[in-house]
Amino acid sequence: MMIDEKDNALYVKACVIPANEEDSQGDTLSSEDIKRIFTSYDNNSLFEVYHHGDQIDGVTLLENYINKAEEPIGDRMAPVGSWLIIMKVTNPTIKEMVLSHEFEGVSLSSTVKQSCGLNLPDITTYADVRDMECVTPQFISLVGRLGTDEGPANGYPLEVMNYTTYIKKSKNGGKKLEVKEIITALKDLVTQAESVEPTEVEAPVILKNDEPQEEEKKEEEAEVNKEECPKDPEVKKESDSTEESEPVVNKEDTPTAEEETVEEESEDNTDDDSARIAALEEKVAELEKAIEALQVEEPKAEEETVEEPVEEDVKPKINKSKKTIITDEPAQVTVPSFNERTGRDEFGRKIRK
């Protein structure tokens, strides 16, 4: 594909069906029901305008997915479980109408399977159908301005991007990558923690700043008091050689209570470090499992499991915009073409009068 075509195209993000939000026709669909409709879509890039039923050229489907995290579209936030798409628009007429805000949203056009045995009017709603397995999407239709009968029933705008913006916005894969970055950071922390060995010097420094200093002061005060108090006369037994030969106990050789406490706390610190490292490693493993669970198969994988749609009567229809043309005998009605409706010639150019 030529680079110029990519650069000149518009990249348009839209919400087909938002999850758990009521639209202007009173329909509210759960993410489960949205998936039931989504998996019935054949993903053949069938786009139309205003539900006229004529496929338009120059609009292709780049991305088609159910979102796993909230995603902004214009000034709206699509909830988790919504059906989102990104289109590439190369048709000059459609590009102009998107940029001029004649098209401000999308609307799904669907039919209801006759095999479901529902006695419904020609134009109906999801609420009347109830079982979304009976709904077969036909077209994604570009529709008019927000807040009007011609606009999308879901009230979601189009987010229009150029090629550079689309590439940058798609880079790094969104929220899923942010979680992966957290896992990488945790792994780095674990590696750093494993490379640092606790020393015996650190613990005594903390202890000497606290209790040991007070005990040393008490010992010094006791020695001063002994010097100030009159000593009892000492009786020296020069002949008794046993006293001189008795082994002298050096306090430095005997571990004191403070030193034993330091050694015990040093061992405790080492155990605590090991416990923290083990906890971090467990957390990393849990996050990796969570990422694997969050990974979504590409829509193509779902399409492979979709049964080929059975040709059935096209009525009744569900159109999520009120500007539609539906009759009992569609073959007998001449529907004006897109160029005729917009005052354009056969080449898509506006006819100036």
Protein backbone atom coordinates (compact mmCIF):
# COMPACT_ATOMS: atom_id res chain seq x y z
CA MET A 1 0.00 0.00 0.00
CA MET A 2 1.34 3.42 -0.89
CA ILE A 3 2.46 5.60 1.99
CA ASP A 4 0.60 8.60 0.53
CA GLU A 5 -2.69 6.73 0.86
CA LYS A 6 -1.99 6.08 4.53
CA ASP A 7 -1.02 9.69 5.16
CA ASN A 8 -4.05 11.08 3.35
CA ALA A 9 -6.57 8.78 5.02
CA LEU A 10 -8.65 9.57 8.09
CA TYR A 11 -8.58 7.16 11.03
CA VAL A 12 -11.89 7.28 12.84
CA LYS A 13 -12.64 5.66 16.20
CA ALA A 14 -16.28 5.03 17.12
CA CYS A 15 -18.46 3.22 19.62
CA VAL A 16 -20.96 0.84 18.02
CA ILE A 17 -22.69 -0.27 21.25
CA PRO A 18 -21.73 0.99 24.73
CA ALA A 19 -22.12 -1.48 27.58
CA ASN A 20 -24.78 -0.93 30.25
CA GLU A 21 -25.84 2.50 28.95
CA GLU A 22 -29.35 3.35 27.79
CA ASP A 23 -29.58 4.87 24.32
CA SER A 24 -32.16 7.30 22.97
CA GLN A 25 -34.40 4.37 21.90
CA GLY A 26 -34.52 2.96 25.44
CA ASP A 27 -32.20 0.00 24.77
CA THR A 28 -29.57 -1.07 27.30
CA LEU A 29 -27.26 -4.00 26.56
CA SER A 30 -24.90 -5.83 28.89
CA SER A 31 -21.40 -6.73 27.77
CA GLU A 32 -22.56 -10.37 27.42
CA ASP A 33 -25.37 -9.40 25.03
CA ILE A 34 -23.00 -7.13 23.10
CA LYS A 35 -20.67 -10.10 22.60
CA ARG A 36 -23.60 -12.18 21.32
CA ILE A 37 -24.23 -9.56 18.62
CA PHE A 38 -20.52 -8.94 18.01
CA THR A 39 -19.81 -12.59 17.25
CA SER A 40 -22.58 -12.58 14.63
CA TYR A 41 -20.89 -9.78 12.67
CA ASP A 42 -19.00 -11.15 9.66
CA ASN A 43 -16.35 -8.39 9.80
CA ASN A 44 -16.53 -7.74 6.06
CA SER A 45 -16.18 -3.97 6.42
CA LEU A 46 -19.78 -3.33 5.39
CA PHE A 47 -20.39 0.39 5.81
CA GLU A 48 -23.31 2.48 4.63
CA VAL A 49 -24.75 5.96 5.25
CA TYR A 50 -28.04 6.68 6.97
CA HIS A 51 -29.17 3.03 6.75
CA HIS A 52 -29.76 3.21 3.00
CA GLY A 53 -28.55 -0.35 2.54
CA ASP A 54 -25.96 0.51 -0.14
CA GLN A 55 -22.39 -0.37 0.72
CA ILE A 56 -19.95 2.52 0.32
CA ASP A 57 -16.39 2.22 -0.89
CA GLY A 58 -13.30 3.75 0.67
CA VAL A 59 -14.19 2.89 4.28
CA THR A 60 -12.46 -0.14 5.76
CA LEU A 61 -12.37 -1.69 9.22
CA LEU A 62 -8.95 -1.57 10.87
CA GLU A 63 -9.83 -2.53 14.44
CA ASN A 64 -12.94 -4.27 15.73
CA TYR A 65 -12.99 -5.29 19.39
CA ILE A 66 -14.68 -5.45 22.80
CA ASN A 67 -12.71 -3.18 25.12
CA LYS A 68 -11.25 -4.58 28.36
CA ALA A 69 -10.70 -1.18 29.95
CA GLU A 70 -12.50 2.16 29.81
CA GLU A 71 -11.54 4.07 26.66
CA PRO A 72 -12.13 7.74 25.84
CA ILE A 73 -13.91 8.63 22.61
CA GLY A 74 -14.09 12.37 22.20
CA ASP A 75 -15.65 13.72 25.39
CA ARG A 76 -17.22 10.35 26.34
CA MET A 77 -15.77 7.34 28.16
CA ALA A 78 -16.75 3.95 26.75
CA PRO A 79 -17.32 1.46 29.61
CA VAL A 80 -15.66 -1.94 29.78
CA GLY A 81 -17.38 -4.45 27.50
CA SER A 82 -18.35 -1.96 24.77
CA TRP A 83 -18.09 -2.64 21.04
CA LEU A 84 -15.52 -0.27 19.54
CA ILE A 85 -14.15 0.10 16.02
CA ILE A 86 -11.50 2.08 14.17
CA MET A 87 -12.15 2.82 10.49
CA LYS A 88 -9.80 3.99 7.78
CA VAL A 89 -11.54 6.45 5.45
CA THR A 90 -10.05 7.10 2.02
CA ASN A 91 -13.26 8.05 0.20
CA PRO A 92 -12.88 11.82 -0.46
CA THR A 93 -16.60 12.52 -0.09
CA ILE A 94 -16.89 10.65 3.20
CA LYS A 95 -13.71 12.33 4.48
CA GLU A 96 -15.18 15.75 3.72
CA MET A 97 -18.48 14.90 5.41
CA VAL A 98 -16.68 13.59 8.51
CA LEU A 99 -14.47 16.67 8.76
CA SER A 100 -17.46 19.00 8.23
CA HIS A 101 -19.38 17.16 11.02
CA GLU A 102 -22.17 16.05 8.71
CA PHE A 103 -21.33 12.60 10.07
CA GLU A 104 -20.82 12.58 13.84
CA GLY A 105 -21.45 8.97 14.85
CA VAL A 106 -22.21 5.41 13.80
CA SER A 107 -25.35 3.32 14.01
CA LEU A 108 -25.64 -0.46 13.76
CA SER A 109 -28.15 -1.84 11.28
CA SER A 110 -29.26 -5.39 12.11
CA THR A 111 -31.92 -7.91 11.17
CA VAL A 112 -33.78 -10.41 13.34
CA LYS A 113 -33.70 -14.07 12.41
CA GLN A 114 -37.08 -15.40 11.35
CA SER A 115 -36.12 -18.76 12.84
CA CYS A 116 -36.49 -17.21 16.29
CA GLY A 117 -40.26 -17.12 15.68
CA LEU A 118 -40.76 -13.57 16.93
CA ASN A 119 -43.82 -11.67 15.74
CA LEU A 120 -42.29 -8.20 15.56
CA PRO A 121 -42.96 -5.06 13.53
CA ASP A 122 -40.72 -4.15 10.62
CA ILE A 123 -38.72 -1.72 12.77
CA THR A 124 -38.05 -2.92 16.28
CA THR A 125 -35.61 -2.58 19.19
CA TYR A 126 -33.28 -4.83 21.16
CA ALA A 127 -35.71 -4.76 24.07
CA ASP A 128 -38.41 -6.34 21.90
CA VAL A 129 -36.06 -9.07 20.66
CA ARG A 130 -34.72 -9.99 24.14
CA ASP A 131 -32.51 -12.85 22.91
CA MET A 132 -29.48 -11.23 21.23
CA GLU A 133 -28.56 -14.52 19.53
CA CYS A 134 -31.43 -13.69 17.16
CA VAL A 135 -29.77 -10.43 16.04
CA THR A 136 -27.57 -10.42 12.91
CA PRO A 137 -25.62 -7.21 12.19
CA GLN A 138 -25.74 -6.13 8.53
CA PHE A 139 -24.11 -2.71 8.23
CA ILE A 140 -22.33 -0.13 10.35
CA SER A 141 -23.90 3.09 9.19
CA LEU A 142 -22.40 6.58 9.31
CA VAL A 143 -25.10 8.90 10.62
CA GLY A 144 -25.69 12.58 11.30
CA ARG A 145 -25.19 15.09 14.06
CA LEU A 146 -25.31 14.22 17.72
CA GLY A 147 -28.51 15.02 19.58
CA THR A 148 -30.70 14.88 16.45
CA ASP A 149 -32.94 12.18 14.98
CA GLU A 150 -30.33 11.68 12.27
CA GLY A 151 -27.56 11.10 14.82
CA PRO A 152 -26.44 7.96 16.66
CA ALA A 153 -28.82 6.62 19.29
CA ASN A 154 -25.90 5.89 21.64
CA GLY A 155 -24.79 9.54 21.66
CA TYR A 156 -21.10 8.75 21.12
CA PRO A 157 -19.08 11.04 18.83
CA LEU A 158 -16.45 10.12 16.28
CA GLU A 159 -12.80 10.53 17.21
CA VAL A 160 -10.97 11.61 14.06
CA MET A 161 -7.20 11.07 13.73
CA ASN A 162 -4.59 11.44 11.05
CA TYR A 163 -2.05 8.71 10.35
CA THR A 164 0.60 10.03 12.77
CA THR A 165 -1.88 10.43 15.62
CA TYR A 166 -3.32 6.98 15.03
CA ILE A 167 0.12 5.34 15.11
CA LYS A 168 1.15 7.15 18.30
CA LYS A 169 -2.16 6.50 19.99
CA SER A 170 -1.96 2.79 19.21
CA LYS A 171 1.69 2.57 20.30
CA ASN A 172 2.46 0.41 23.37
CA GLY A 173 -1.00 -1.13 23.47
CA GLY A 174 -2.70 0.97 26.15
CA LYS A 175 -3.47 -0.16 29.68
CA LYS A 176 -2.31 -3.73 29.20
CA LEU A 177 1.22 -2.49 28.62
CA GLU A 178 1.08 -0.31 31.73
CA VAL A 179 0.47 -3.43 33.79
CA LYS A 180 3.38 -5.15 32.06
CA GLU A 181 5.54 -2.17 32.91
CA ILE A 182 4.55 -2.58 36.56
CA ILE A 183 5.56 -6.24 36.43
CA THR A 184 8.91 -5.30 34.91
CA ALA A 185 9.47 -2.73 37.64
CA LEU A 186 8.62 -5.30 40.31
CA LYS A 187 11.07 -7.75 38.79
CA ASP A 188 13.76 -5.07 38.91
CA LEU A 189 12.96 -4.46 42.58
CA VAL A 190 13.25 -8.17 43.31
CA THR A 191 16.60 -8.33 41.51
CA GLN A 192 17.88 -5.33 43.47
CA ALA A 193 16.66 -6.77 46.75
CA GLU A 194 18.37 -10.09 46.06
CA SER A 195 21.65 -8.35 45.24
CA VAL A 196 21.73 -6.41 48.54
CA GLU A 197 22.99 -8.42 51.52
CA PRO A 198 22.16 -7.08 55.00
CA THR A 199 25.33 -6.29 57.03
CA GLU A 200 25.92 -6.60 60.75
CA VAL A 201 26.98 -2.96 60.94
CA GLU A 202 23.61 -1.49 60.06
CA ALA A 203 21.65 -3.03 62.91
CA PRO A 204 24.05 -2.05 65.75
CA VAL A 205 24.03 1.55 64.56
CA ILE A 206 20.28 1.71 65.10
CA LEU A 207 20.50 0.09 68.52
CA LYS A 208 23.32 2.30 69.76
CA ASN A 209 21.30 5.36 68.93
CA ASP A 210 18.52 4.13 71.19
CA GLU A 211 18.68 2.00 74.33
CA PRO A 212 22.37 1.02 74.62
CA GLN A 213 23.45 4.64 75.14
CA GLU A 214 21.16 4.96 78.17
CA GLU A 215 22.53 1.75 79.66
CA GLU A 216 26.11 2.95 79.15
CA LYS A 217 25.22 6.23 80.90
CA LYS A 218 23.76 4.28 83.82
CA GLU A 219 26.95 2.23 84.10
CA GLU A 220 29.06 5.40 84.07
CA GLU A 221 26.88 7.00 86.74
CA ALA A 222 27.19 3.88 88.87
CA GLU A 223 30.98 3.98 88.61
CA VAL A 224 31.01 7.67 89.60
CA ASN A 225 28.85 6.93 92.60
CA LYS A 226 31.20 4.18 93.66
CA GLU A 227 34.15 6.55 93.52
CA GLU A 228 32.34 9.20 95.57
CA CYS A 229 31.19 6.77 98.26
CA PRO A 230 33.80 5.83 100.99
CA LYS A 231 35.20 2.43 100.33
CA ASP A 232 35.40 -0.25 103.00
CA PRO A 233 38.91 -1.10 104.05
CA GLU A 234 40.20 -3.85 101.90
CA VAL A 235 42.01 -6.81 103.45
CA LYS A 236 44.68 -8.02 101.16
CA LYS A 237 45.88 -11.55 101.50
CA GLU A 238 49.29 -11.54 100.00
CA SER A 239 49.81 -15.18 100.82
CA ASP A 240 46.65 -16.22 99.04
CA SER A 241 47.79 -16.85 95.54
CA THR A 242 44.48 -18.29 94.42
CA GLU A 243 42.97 -14.85 93.94
CA GLU A 244 45.75 -13.80 91.60
CA SER A 245 45.53 -16.99 89.61
CA GLU A 246 41.78 -16.87 89.12
CA PRO A 247 40.89 -16.35 85.49
CA VAL A 248 39.87 -12.82 84.71
CA VAL A 249 36.58 -12.54 82.88
CA ASN A 250 36.76 -9.95 80.14
CA LYS A 251 33.44 -8.30 79.38
CA GLU A 252 34.47 -7.87 75.80
CA ASP A 253 34.85 -11.65 75.42
CA THR A 254 31.44 -12.37 76.90
CA PRO A 255 28.54 -11.38 74.69
CA THR A 256 26.35 -8.85 76.41
CA ALA A 257 22.56 -8.76 76.26
CA GLU A 258 22.77 -5.83 73.83
CA GLU A 259 25.10 -7.72 71.49
CA GLU A 260 22.86 -10.78 71.61
CA THR A 261 19.90 -8.56 70.77
CA VAL A 262 21.84 -7.05 67.84
CA GLU A 263 22.68 -10.49 66.50
CA GLU A 264 19.10 -11.68 66.88
CA GLU A 265 17.69 -8.57 65.18
CA SER A 266 20.28 -8.87 62.41
CA GLU A 267 19.07 -12.40 61.78
CA ASP A 268 15.48 -11.15 61.95
CA ASN A 269 16.29 -8.42 59.39
CA THR A 270 17.74 -11.04 57.08
CA ASP A 271 14.62 -13.15 57.48
CA ASP A 272 12.45 -10.07 56.84
CA ASP A 273 14.39 -9.27 53.65
CA SER A 274 13.96 -12.83 52.44
CA ALA A 275 10.25 -12.70 53.24
CA ARG A 276 9.85 -9.42 51.32
CA ILE A 277 11.68 -10.82 48.31
CA ALA A 278 9.49 -13.94 48.37
CA ALA A 279 6.36 -11.77 48.64
CA LEU A 280 7.48 -9.65 45.66
CA GLU A 281 8.17 -12.74 43.60
CA GLU A 282 4.71 -14.11 44.43
CA LYS A 283 3.16 -10.76 43.46
CA VAL A 284 5.00 -10.77 40.13
CA ALA A 285 3.76 -14.29 39.43
CA GLU A 286 0.17 -13.29 40.27
CA LEU A 287 0.34 -10.24 38.00
CA GLU A 288 1.73 -12.30 35.14
CA LYS A 289 -1.16 -14.75 35.53
CA ALA A 290 -3.58 -11.82 35.61
CA ILE A 291 -2.08 -10.44 32.38
CA GLU A 292 -2.45 -13.79 30.68
CA ALA A 293 -6.07 -13.92 31.80
CA LEU A 294 -6.69 -10.39 30.50
CA GLN A 295 -5.21 -11.05 27.08
CA VAL A 296 -7.97 -11.03 24.50
CA GLU A 297 -7.91 -13.02 21.34
CA GLU A 298 -7.92 -10.95 18.19
CA PRO A 299 -11.38 -10.58 16.70
CA LYS A 300 -10.27 -12.82 13.83
CA ALA A 301 -10.02 -15.73 16.24
CA GLU A 302 -13.65 -15.21 17.21
CA GLU A 303 -14.68 -14.91 13.61
CA GLU A 304 -13.25 -18.33 12.85
CA THR A 305 -15.79 -19.87 15.23
CA VAL A 306 -18.71 -17.90 13.83
CA GLU A 307 -21.14 -19.94 11.81
CA GLU A 308 -21.90 -18.81 8.30
CA PRO A 309 -25.01 -16.61 8.42
CA VAL A 310 -28.10 -18.28 7.05
CA GLU A 311 -29.93 -16.29 4.45
CA GLU A 312 -33.24 -15.29 5.94
CA ASP A 313 -35.88 -12.67 5.47
CA VAL A 314 -34.37 -9.25 6.16
CA LYS A 315 -37.32 -8.16 8.30
CA PRO A 316 -37.73 -7.05 11.01
CA LYS A 317 -34.84 -4.58 11.31
CA ILE A 318 -33.10 -2.83 14.17
CA ASN A 319 -31.62 0.53 13.21
CA LYS A 320 -29.95 2.67 15.87
CA SER A 321 -30.79 5.93 14.12
CA LYS A 322 -34.21 7.23 13.17
CA LYS A 323 -33.29 8.37 9.68
CA THR A 324 -34.08 5.11 7.88
CA ILE A 325 -36.04 3.98 4.83
CA ILE A 326 -37.81 0.67 5.43
CA THR A 327 -40.84 -0.49 3.41
CA ASP A 328 -42.82 -3.69 3.09
CA GLU A 329 -41.68 -4.10 -0.53
CA PRO A 330 -38.11 -2.76 -0.78
CA ALA A 331 -37.73 -3.94 -4.40
CA GLN A 332 -40.56 -1.64 -5.59
CA VAL A 333 -39.19 1.50 -3.98
CA THR A 334 -36.44 3.56 -5.58
CA VAL A 335 -34.12 4.80 -2.88
CA PRO A 336 -32.07 7.85 -3.91
CA SER A 337 -28.38 7.06 -4.08
CA PHE A 338 -25.84 8.69 -1.83
CA ASN A 339 -24.67 11.03 -4.63
CA GLU A 340 -28.26 12.00 -5.49
CA ARG A 341 -29.10 12.70 -1.86
CA THR A 342 -26.06 14.90 -1.36
CA GLY A 343 -26.25 16.65 -4.73
CA ARG A 344 -23.17 15.11 -6.32
CA ASP A 345 -22.33 13.82 -9.75
CA GLU A 346 -21.39 10.23 -10.60
CA PHE A 347 -17.80 10.92 -9.57
CA GLY A 348 -18.79 12.11 -6.09
CA ARG A 349 -18.19 15.80 -6.83
CA LYS A 350 -20.66 18.38 -5.55
CA ILE A 351 -22.86 19.93 -8.20
CA ARG A 352 -22.72 23.69 -7.80
CA LYS A 353 -25.75 25.64 -8.99
